[in-house]
Amino acid sequence: ALRAAGAALAATDAVMAGELDNAFCAVRPPGHHACRDKA
């Protein structure tokens, strides 16, 4: 889970820095059902 979130953050850094135009993160566990205080 730390790696999955870390990939999204590293991709954000690289795209913001102009190193990449965009990025795809093939990671798991997925995330969009995780609420602020609930898995």
PDB file of all heavy atoms in Angstrom:
ATOM      1  N   ALA A   1       0.825  -1.212   0.000  1.00  0.00           N
ATOM      2  CA  ALA A   1       0.000   0.000   0.000  1.00  0.00           C
ATOM      3  C   ALA A   1       0.859   1.261   0.000  1.00  0.00           C
ATOM      4  O   ALA A   1       0.538   2.258  -0.671  1.00  0.00           O
ATOM      5  CB  ALA A   1      -0.943  -0.013   1.203  1.00  0.00           C
ATOM      6  N   LEU A   2       1.971   1.235   0.737  1.00  0.00           N
ATOM      7  CA  LEU A   2       2.882   2.375   0.720  1.00  0.00           C
ATOM      8  C   LEU A   2       3.516   2.555  -0.657  1.00  0.00           C
ATOM      9  O   LEU A   2       3.708   3.684  -1.135  1.00  0.00           O
ATOM     10  CB  LEU A   2       3.977   2.194   1.772  1.00  0.00           C
ATOM     11  CG  LEU A   2       3.559   2.241   3.236  1.00  0.00           C
ATOM     12  CD1 LEU A   2       4.789   2.062   4.135  1.00  0.00           C
ATOM     13  CD2 LEU A   2       2.849   3.547   3.580  1.00  0.00           C
ATOM     14  N   ARG A   3       3.858   1.443  -1.318  1.00  0.00           N
ATOM     15  CA  ARG A   3       4.439   1.517  -2.664  1.00  0.00           C
ATOM     16  C   ARG A   3       3.420   2.041  -3.672  1.00  0.00           C
ATOM     17  O   ARG A   3       3.772   2.816  -4.573  1.00  0.00           O
ATOM     18  CB  ARG A   3       4.928   0.142  -3.106  1.00  0.00           C
ATOM     19  CG  ARG A   3       6.135  -0.370  -2.366  1.00  0.00           C
ATOM     20  CD  ARG A   3       7.415   0.306  -2.802  1.00  0.00           C
ATOM     21  NE  ARG A   3       8.566  -0.314  -2.139  1.00  0.00           N
ATOM     22  CZ  ARG A   3       9.810   0.131  -2.242  1.00  0.00           C
ATOM     23  NH1 ARG A   3      10.086   1.196  -2.966  1.00  0.00           N
ATOM     24  NH2 ARG A   3      10.795  -0.499  -1.614  1.00  0.00           N
ATOM     25  N   ALA A   4       2.171   1.581  -3.548  1.00  0.00           N
ATOM     26  CA  ALA A   4       1.138   2.024  -4.490  1.00  0.00           C
ATOM     27  C   ALA A   4       0.923   3.532  -4.396  1.00  0.00           C
ATOM     28  O   ALA A   4       0.894   4.245  -5.404  1.00  0.00           O
ATOM     29  CB  ALA A   4      -0.162   1.273  -4.233  1.00  0.00           C
ATOM     30  N   ALA A   5       0.784   4.024  -3.161  1.00  0.00           N
ATOM     31  CA  ALA A   5       0.648   5.471  -2.985  1.00  0.00           C
ATOM     32  C   ALA A   5       1.927   6.183  -3.400  1.00  0.00           C
ATOM     33  O   ALA A   5       1.892   7.257  -4.026  1.00  0.00           O
ATOM     34  CB  ALA A   5       0.309   5.792  -1.530  1.00  0.00           C
ATOM     35  N   GLY A   6       3.074   5.592  -3.086  1.00  0.00           N
ATOM     36  CA  GLY A   6       4.355   6.198  -3.460  1.00  0.00           C
ATOM     37  C   GLY A   6       4.519   6.322  -4.959  1.00  0.00           C
ATOM     38  O   GLY A   6       5.108   7.304  -5.447  1.00  0.00           O
ATOM     39  N   ALA A   7       4.013   5.355  -5.712  1.00  0.00           N
ATOM     40  CA  ALA A   7       4.085   5.442  -7.169  1.00  0.00           C
ATOM     41  C   ALA A   7       3.289   6.633  -7.683  1.00  0.00           C
ATOM     42  O   ALA A   7       3.744   7.375  -8.566  1.00  0.00           O
ATOM     43  CB  ALA A   7       3.566   4.145  -7.798  1.00  0.00           C
ATOM     44  N   ALA A   8       2.090   6.834  -7.127  1.00  0.00           N
ATOM     45  CA  ALA A   8       1.278   7.977  -7.549  1.00  0.00           C
ATOM     46  C   ALA A   8       1.977   9.293  -7.244  1.00  0.00           C
ATOM     47  O   ALA A   8       1.925  10.249  -8.038  1.00  0.00           O
ATOM     48  CB  ALA A   8      -0.084   7.921  -6.873  1.00  0.00           C
ATOM     49  N   LEU A   9       2.661   9.354  -6.103  1.00  0.00           N
ATOM     50  CA  LEU A   9       3.367  10.582  -5.735  1.00  0.00           C
ATOM     51  C   LEU A   9       4.613  10.790  -6.584  1.00  0.00           C
ATOM     52  O   LEU A   9       4.893  11.912  -7.029  1.00  0.00           O
ATOM     53  CB  LEU A   9       3.744  10.534  -4.250  1.00  0.00           C
ATOM     54  CG  LEU A   9       2.586  10.422  -3.272  1.00  0.00           C
ATOM     55  CD1 LEU A   9       3.097  10.437  -1.835  1.00  0.00           C
ATOM     56  CD2 LEU A   9       1.556  11.523  -3.479  1.00  0.00           C
ATOM     57  N   ALA A  10       5.363   9.703  -6.822  1.00  0.00           N
ATOM     58  CA  ALA A  10       6.559   9.828  -7.668  1.00  0.00           C
ATOM     59  C   ALA A  10       6.180  10.213  -9.091  1.00  0.00           C
ATOM     60  O   ALA A  10       6.884  11.007  -9.740  1.00  0.00           O
ATOM     61  CB  ALA A  10       7.335   8.510  -7.659  1.00  0.00           C
ATOM     62  N   ALA A  11       5.087   9.665  -9.577  1.00  0.00           N
ATOM     63  CA  ALA A  11       4.615  10.037 -10.912  1.00  0.00           C
ATOM     64  C   ALA A  11       4.228  11.511 -10.952  1.00  0.00           C
ATOM     65  O   ALA A  11       4.534  12.229 -11.922  1.00  0.00           O
ATOM     66  CB  ALA A  11       3.432   9.163 -11.305  1.00  0.00           C
ATOM     67  N   THR A  12       3.577  11.971  -9.896  1.00  0.00           N
ATOM     68  CA  THR A  12       3.211  13.390  -9.815  1.00  0.00           C
ATOM     69  C   THR A  12       4.451  14.271  -9.831  1.00  0.00           C
ATOM     70  O   THR A  12       4.512  15.276 -10.565  1.00  0.00           O
ATOM     71  CB  THR A  12       2.386  13.642  -8.540  1.00  0.00           C
ATOM     72  OG1 THR A  12       1.197  12.846  -8.577  1.00  0.00           O
ATOM     73  CG2 THR A  12       2.013  15.111  -8.411  1.00  0.00           C
ATOM     74  N   ASP A  13       5.461  13.898  -9.046  1.00  0.00           N
ATOM     75  CA  ASP A  13       6.708  14.670  -9.026  1.00  0.00           C
ATOM     76  C   ASP A  13       7.355  14.714 -10.409  1.00  0.00           C
ATOM     77  O   ASP A  13       7.807  15.775 -10.865  1.00  0.00           O
ATOM     78  CB  ASP A  13       7.696  14.048  -8.034  1.00  0.00           C
ATOM     79  CG  ASP A  13       7.333  14.301  -6.581  1.00  0.00           C
ATOM     80  OD1 ASP A  13       6.586  15.264  -6.302  1.00  0.00           O
ATOM     81  OD2 ASP A  13       7.800  13.527  -5.722  1.00  0.00           O
ATOM     82  N   ALA A  14       7.418  13.565 -11.079  1.00  0.00           N
ATOM     83  CA  ALA A  14       8.105  13.494 -12.370  1.00  0.00           C
ATOM     84  C   ALA A  14       7.366  14.278 -13.442  1.00  0.00           C
ATOM     85  O   ALA A  14       7.986  14.939 -14.285  1.00  0.00           O
ATOM     86  CB  ALA A  14       8.261  12.033 -12.787  1.00  0.00           C
ATOM     87  N   VAL A  15       6.048  14.217 -13.411  1.00  0.00           N
ATOM     88  CA  VAL A  15       5.268  14.973 -14.391  1.00  0.00           C
ATOM     89  C   VAL A  15       5.349  16.468 -14.103  1.00  0.00           C
ATOM     90  O   VAL A  15       5.515  17.288 -15.016  1.00  0.00           O
ATOM     91  CB  VAL A  15       3.805  14.473 -14.416  1.00  0.00           C
ATOM     92  CG1 VAL A  15       2.929  15.386 -15.271  1.00  0.00           C
ATOM     93  CG2 VAL A  15       3.739  13.041 -14.953  1.00  0.00           C
ATOM     94  N   MET A  16       5.283  16.841 -12.847  1.00  0.00           N
ATOM     95  CA  MET A  16       5.391  18.252 -12.493  1.00  0.00           C
ATOM     96  C   MET A  16       6.765  18.812 -12.852  1.00  0.00           C
ATOM     97  O   MET A  16       6.895  19.976 -13.249  1.00  0.00           O
ATOM     98  CB  MET A  16       5.123  18.456 -11.006  1.00  0.00           C
ATOM     99  CG  MET A  16       3.658  18.344 -10.607  1.00  0.00           C
ATOM    100  SD  MET A  16       2.591  19.585 -11.384  1.00  0.00           S
ATOM    101  CE  MET A  16       3.361  21.102 -10.843  1.00  0.00           C
ATOM    102  N   ALA A  17       7.794  17.987 -12.738  1.00  0.00           N
ATOM    103  CA  ALA A  17       9.161  18.435 -13.045  1.00  0.00           C
ATOM    104  C   ALA A  17       9.428  18.482 -14.539  1.00  0.00           C
ATOM    105  O   ALA A  17      10.482  18.980 -14.959  1.00  0.00           O
ATOM    106  CB  ALA A  17      10.169  17.511 -12.371  1.00  0.00           C
ATOM    107  N   GLY A  18       8.507  17.951 -15.345  1.00  0.00           N
ATOM    108  CA  GLY A  18       8.714  17.917 -16.787  1.00  0.00           C
ATOM    109  C   GLY A  18       9.573  16.755 -17.249  1.00  0.00           C
ATOM    110  O   GLY A  18       9.903  16.670 -18.427  1.00  0.00           O
ATOM    111  N   GLU A  19       9.929  15.830 -16.337  1.00  0.00           N
ATOM    112  CA  GLU A  19      10.681  14.643 -16.741  1.00  0.00           C
ATOM    113  C   GLU A  19       9.818  13.714 -17.588  1.00  0.00           C
ATOM    114  O   GLU A  19      10.319  12.999 -18.459  1.00  0.00           O
ATOM    115  CB  GLU A  19      11.151  13.871 -15.506  1.00  0.00           C
ATOM    116  CG  GLU A  19      12.098  14.628 -14.596  1.00  0.00           C
ATOM    117  CD  GLU A  19      12.338  13.862 -13.308  1.00  0.00           C
ATOM    118  OE1 GLU A  19      12.028  12.652 -13.266  1.00  0.00           O
ATOM    119  OE2 GLU A  19      12.850  14.472 -12.339  1.00  0.00           O
ATOM    120  N   LEU A  20       8.519  13.696 -17.301  1.00  0.00           N
ATOM    121  CA  LEU A  20       7.541  12.888 -18.024  1.00  0.00           C
ATOM    122  C   LEU A  20       6.387  13.783 -18.451  1.00  0.00           C
ATOM    123  O   LEU A  20       6.062  14.765 -17.764  1.00  0.00           O
ATOM    124  CB  LEU A  20       6.997  11.769 -17.139  1.00  0.00           C
ATOM    125  CG  LEU A  20       8.002  10.764 -16.562  1.00  0.00           C
ATOM    126  CD1 LEU A  20       7.315   9.876 -15.533  1.00  0.00           C
ATOM    127  CD2 LEU A  20       8.614   9.917 -17.683  1.00  0.00           C
ATOM    128  N   ASP A  21       5.753  13.419 -19.565  1.00  0.00           N
ATOM    129  CA  ASP A  21       4.549  14.139 -19.972  1.00  0.00           C
ATOM    130  C   ASP A  21       3.340  13.656 -19.172  1.00  0.00           C
ATOM    131  O   ASP A  21       2.459  14.432 -18.816  1.00  0.00           O
ATOM    132  CB  ASP A  21       4.293  13.936 -21.467  1.00  0.00           C
ATOM    133  CG  ASP A  21       5.385  14.544 -22.320  1.00  0.00           C
ATOM    134  OD1 ASP A  21       5.638  15.758 -22.173  1.00  0.00           O
ATOM    135  OD2 ASP A  21       6.006  13.817 -23.115  1.00  0.00           O
ATOM    136  N   ASN A  22       3.305  12.364 -18.928  1.00  0.00           N
ATOM    137  CA  ASN A  22       2.216  11.767 -18.159  1.00  0.00           C
ATOM    138  C   ASN A  22       2.707  10.427 -17.631  1.00  0.00           C
ATOM    139  O   ASN A  22       3.851  10.029 -17.894  1.00  0.00           O
ATOM    140  CB  ASN A  22       0.940  11.626 -19.000  1.00  0.00           C
ATOM    141  CG  ASN A  22       1.187  10.894 -20.314  1.00  0.00           C
ATOM    142  OD1 ASN A  22       1.806   9.826 -20.333  1.00  0.00           O
ATOM    143  ND2 ASN A  22       0.682  11.444 -21.420  1.00  0.00           N
ATOM    144  N   ALA A  23       1.860   9.710 -16.895  1.00  0.00           N
ATOM    145  CA  ALA A  23       2.309   8.456 -16.293  1.00  0.00           C
ATOM    146  C   ALA A  23       1.130   7.541 -16.014  1.00  0.00           C
ATOM    147  O   ALA A  23       0.002   8.000 -15.762  1.00  0.00           O
ATOM    148  CB  ALA A  23       3.067   8.723 -14.989  1.00  0.00           C
ATOM    149  N   PHE A  24       1.415   6.242 -16.045  1.00  0.00           N
ATOM    150  CA  PHE A  24       0.467   5.206 -15.645  1.00  0.00           C
ATOM    151  C   PHE A  24       1.093   4.396 -14.526  1.00  0.00           C
ATOM    152  O   PHE A  24       2.230   3.930 -14.649  1.00  0.00           O
ATOM    153  CB  PHE A  24       0.129   4.294 -16.823  1.00  0.00           C
ATOM    154  CG  PHE A  24      -0.749   3.121 -16.459  1.00  0.00           C
ATOM    155  CD1 PHE A  24      -2.061   3.326 -16.060  1.00  0.00           C
ATOM    156  CD2 PHE A  24      -0.265   1.815 -16.536  1.00  0.00           C
ATOM    157  CE1 PHE A  24      -2.879   2.249 -15.720  1.00  0.00           C
ATOM    158  CE2 PHE A  24      -1.075   0.738 -16.206  1.00  0.00           C
ATOM    159  CZ  PHE A  24      -2.390   0.952 -15.800  1.00  0.00           C
ATOM    160  N   CYS A  25       0.357   4.235 -13.430  1.00  0.00           N
ATOM    161  CA  CYS A  25       0.844   3.478 -12.276  1.00  0.00           C
ATOM    162  C   CYS A  25       0.125   2.138 -12.210  1.00  0.00           C
ATOM    163  O   CYS A  25      -1.079   2.079 -11.885  1.00  0.00           O
ATOM    164  CB  CYS A  25       0.603   4.263 -10.991  1.00  0.00           C
ATOM    165  SG  CYS A  25       1.397   5.886 -10.956  1.00  0.00           S
ATOM    166  N   ALA A  26       0.843   1.071 -12.561  1.00  0.00           N
ATOM    167  CA  ALA A  26       0.295  -0.284 -12.472  1.00  0.00           C
ATOM    168  C   ALA A  26       0.596  -0.804 -11.075  1.00  0.00           C
ATOM    169  O   ALA A  26       1.629  -1.436 -10.836  1.00  0.00           O
ATOM    170  CB  ALA A  26       0.913  -1.175 -13.545  1.00  0.00           C
ATOM    171  N   VAL A  27      -0.286  -0.485 -10.145  1.00  0.00           N
ATOM    172  CA  VAL A  27      -0.042  -0.767  -8.737  1.00  0.00           C
ATOM    173  C   VAL A  27      -1.275  -1.409  -8.117  1.00  0.00           C
ATOM    174  O   VAL A  27      -2.385  -1.302  -8.626  1.00  0.00           O
ATOM    175  CB  VAL A  27       0.326   0.519  -7.968  1.00  0.00           C
ATOM    176  CG1 VAL A  27       1.660   1.072  -8.433  1.00  0.00           C
ATOM    177  CG2 VAL A  27      -0.772   1.586  -8.104  1.00  0.00           C
ATOM    178  N   ARG A  28      -1.033  -2.060  -7.012  1.00  0.00           N
ATOM    179  CA  ARG A  28      -2.090  -2.591  -6.174  1.00  0.00           C
ATOM    180  C   ARG A  28      -1.534  -2.673  -4.754  1.00  0.00           C
ATOM    181  O   ARG A  28      -0.327  -2.784  -4.605  1.00  0.00           O
ATOM    182  CB  ARG A  28      -2.610  -3.945  -6.677  1.00  0.00           C
ATOM    183  CG  ARG A  28      -1.521  -4.974  -6.972  1.00  0.00           C
ATOM    184  CD  ARG A  28      -2.085  -6.263  -7.521  1.00  0.00           C
ATOM    185  NE  ARG A  28      -2.969  -6.945  -6.575  1.00  0.00           N
ATOM    186  CZ  ARG A  28      -2.550  -7.678  -5.569  1.00  0.00           C
ATOM    187  NH1 ARG A  28      -1.257  -7.830  -5.326  1.00  0.00           N
ATOM    188  NH2 ARG A  28      -3.410  -8.260  -4.765  1.00  0.00           N
ATOM    189  N   PRO A  29      -2.380  -2.609  -3.733  1.00  0.00           N
ATOM    190  CA  PRO A  29      -3.831  -2.544  -3.800  1.00  0.00           C
ATOM    191  C   PRO A  29      -4.346  -1.258  -4.440  1.00  0.00           C
ATOM    192  O   PRO A  29      -3.668  -0.233  -4.407  1.00  0.00           O
ATOM    193  CB  PRO A  29      -4.258  -2.627  -2.335  1.00  0.00           C
ATOM    194  CG  PRO A  29      -3.081  -2.180  -1.545  1.00  0.00           C
ATOM    195  CD  PRO A  29      -1.878  -2.603  -2.332  1.00  0.00           C
ATOM    196  N   PRO A  30      -5.554  -1.362  -5.042  1.00  0.00           N
ATOM    197  CA  PRO A  30      -6.180  -0.164  -5.603  1.00  0.00           C
ATOM    198  C   PRO A  30      -6.613   0.778  -4.492  1.00  0.00           C
ATOM    199  O   PRO A  30      -6.369   0.500  -3.304  1.00  0.00           O
ATOM    200  CB  PRO A  30      -7.379  -0.732  -6.378  1.00  0.00           C
ATOM    201  CG  PRO A  30      -7.716  -2.001  -5.658  1.00  0.00           C
ATOM    202  CD  PRO A  30      -6.399  -2.552  -5.166  1.00  0.00           C
ATOM    203  N   GLY A  31      -7.275   1.893  -4.856  1.00  0.00           N
ATOM    204  CA  GLY A  31      -7.485   2.888  -3.821  1.00  0.00           C
ATOM    205  C   GLY A  31      -8.830   3.574  -3.721  1.00  0.00           C
ATOM    206  O   GLY A  31      -9.142   4.143  -2.689  1.00  0.00           O
ATOM    207  N   HIS A  32      -9.664   3.549  -4.781  1.00  0.00           N
ATOM    208  CA  HIS A  32     -10.745   4.541  -4.808  1.00  0.00           C
ATOM    209  C   HIS A  32     -11.908   4.256  -3.862  1.00  0.00           C
ATOM    210  O   HIS A  32     -12.784   5.106  -3.702  1.00  0.00           O
ATOM    211  CB  HIS A  32     -11.226   4.775  -6.247  1.00  0.00           C
ATOM    212  CG  HIS A  32     -12.100   3.698  -6.812  1.00  0.00           C
ATOM    213  ND1 HIS A  32     -13.067   3.969  -7.755  1.00  0.00           N
ATOM    214  CD2 HIS A  32     -12.138   2.359  -6.598  1.00  0.00           C
ATOM    215  CE1 HIS A  32     -13.669   2.847  -8.090  1.00  0.00           C
ATOM    216  NE2 HIS A  32     -13.113   1.856  -7.412  1.00  0.00           N
ATOM    217  N   HIS A  33     -11.925   3.077  -3.207  1.00  0.00           N
ATOM    218  CA  HIS A  33     -12.927   2.835  -2.166  1.00  0.00           C
ATOM    219  C   HIS A  33     -12.417   3.197  -0.771  1.00  0.00           C
ATOM    220  O   HIS A  33     -13.194   3.182   0.193  1.00  0.00           O
ATOM    221  CB  HIS A  33     -13.366   1.367  -2.174  1.00  0.00           C
ATOM    222  CG  HIS A  33     -14.112   0.959  -3.395  1.00  0.00           C
ATOM    223  ND1 HIS A  33     -15.200   1.654  -3.879  1.00  0.00           N
ATOM    224  CD2 HIS A  33     -13.916  -0.086  -4.270  1.00  0.00           C
ATOM    225  CE1 HIS A  33     -15.649   1.067  -4.975  1.00  0.00           C
ATOM    226  NE2 HIS A  33     -14.879   0.015  -5.236  1.00  0.00           N
ATOM    227  N   ALA A  34     -11.139   3.483  -0.635  1.00  0.00           N
ATOM    228  CA  ALA A  34     -10.576   3.815   0.673  1.00  0.00           C
ATOM    229  C   ALA A  34     -11.018   5.220   1.076  1.00  0.00           C
ATOM    230  O   ALA A  34     -10.680   6.205   0.424  1.00  0.00           O
ATOM    231  CB  ALA A  34      -9.056   3.725   0.643  1.00  0.00           C
ATOM    232  N   CYS A  35     -11.787   5.298   2.152  1.00  0.00           N
ATOM    233  CA  CYS A  35     -12.273   6.576   2.660  1.00  0.00           C
ATOM    234  C   CYS A  35     -11.212   7.211   3.558  1.00  0.00           C
ATOM    235  O   CYS A  35     -10.172   6.622   3.839  1.00  0.00           O
ATOM    236  CB  CYS A  35     -13.567   6.362   3.447  1.00  0.00           C
ATOM    237  SG  CYS A  35     -14.902   5.617   2.483  1.00  0.00           S
ATOM    238  N   ARG A  36     -11.501   8.403   4.000  1.00  0.00           N
ATOM    239  CA  ARG A  36     -10.539   9.099   4.855  1.00  0.00           C
ATOM    240  C   ARG A  36     -10.165   8.259   6.073  1.00  0.00           C
ATOM    241  O   ARG A  36      -8.999   8.205   6.463  1.00  0.00           O
ATOM    242  CB  ARG A  36     -11.109  10.457   5.297  1.00  0.00           C
ATOM    243  CG  ARG A  36     -10.164  11.256   6.179  1.00  0.00           C
ATOM    244  CD  ARG A  36     -10.733  12.618   6.504  1.00  0.00           C
ATOM    245  NE  ARG A  36     -10.941  13.415   5.301  1.00  0.00           N
ATOM    246  CZ  ARG A  36      -9.999  14.090   4.667  1.00  0.00           C
ATOM    247  NH1 ARG A  36      -8.758  14.079   5.127  1.00  0.00           N
ATOM    248  NH2 ARG A  36     -10.278  14.785   3.579  1.00  0.00           N
ATOM    249  N   ASP A  37     -11.151   7.586   6.650  1.00  0.00           N
ATOM    250  CA  ASP A  37     -10.901   6.860   7.900  1.00  0.00           C
ATOM    251  C   ASP A  37     -11.339   5.399   7.828  1.00  0.00           C
ATOM    252  O   ASP A  37     -11.620   4.785   8.857  1.00  0.00           O
ATOM    253  CB  ASP A  37     -11.636   7.553   9.059  1.00  0.00           C
ATOM    254  CG  ASP A  37     -11.101   8.951   9.323  1.00  0.00           C
ATOM    255  OD1 ASP A  37      -9.882   9.080   9.532  1.00  0.00           O
ATOM    256  OD2 ASP A  37     -11.903   9.902   9.295  1.00  0.00           O
ATOM    257  N   LYS A  38     -11.365   4.819   6.611  1.00  0.00           N
ATOM    258  CA  LYS A  38     -11.871   3.456   6.499  1.00  0.00           C
ATOM    259  C   LYS A  38     -11.288   2.765   5.273  1.00  0.00           C
ATOM    260  O   LYS A  38     -11.293   3.327   4.177  1.00  0.00           O
ATOM    261  CB  LYS A  38     -13.403   3.480   6.401  1.00  0.00           C
ATOM    262  CG  LYS A  38     -14.044   2.110   6.349  1.00  0.00           C
ATOM    263  CD  LYS A  38     -15.560   2.255   6.263  1.00  0.00           C
ATOM    264  CE  LYS A  38     -16.242   0.899   6.233  1.00  0.00           C
ATOM    265  NZ  LYS A  38     -17.719   1.036   6.135  1.00  0.00           N
ATOM    266  N   ALA A  39     -10.792   1.540   5.462  1.00  0.00           N
ATOM    267  CA  ALA A  39     -10.396   0.677   4.351  1.00  0.00           C
ATOM    268  C   ALA A  39     -11.586  -0.201   3.981  1.00  0.00           C
ATOM    269  O   ALA A  39     -12.292  -0.708   4.859  1.00  0.00           O
ATOM    270  CB  ALA A  39      -9.202  -0.185   4.753  1.00  0.00           C
TER     271      ALA A  39
END
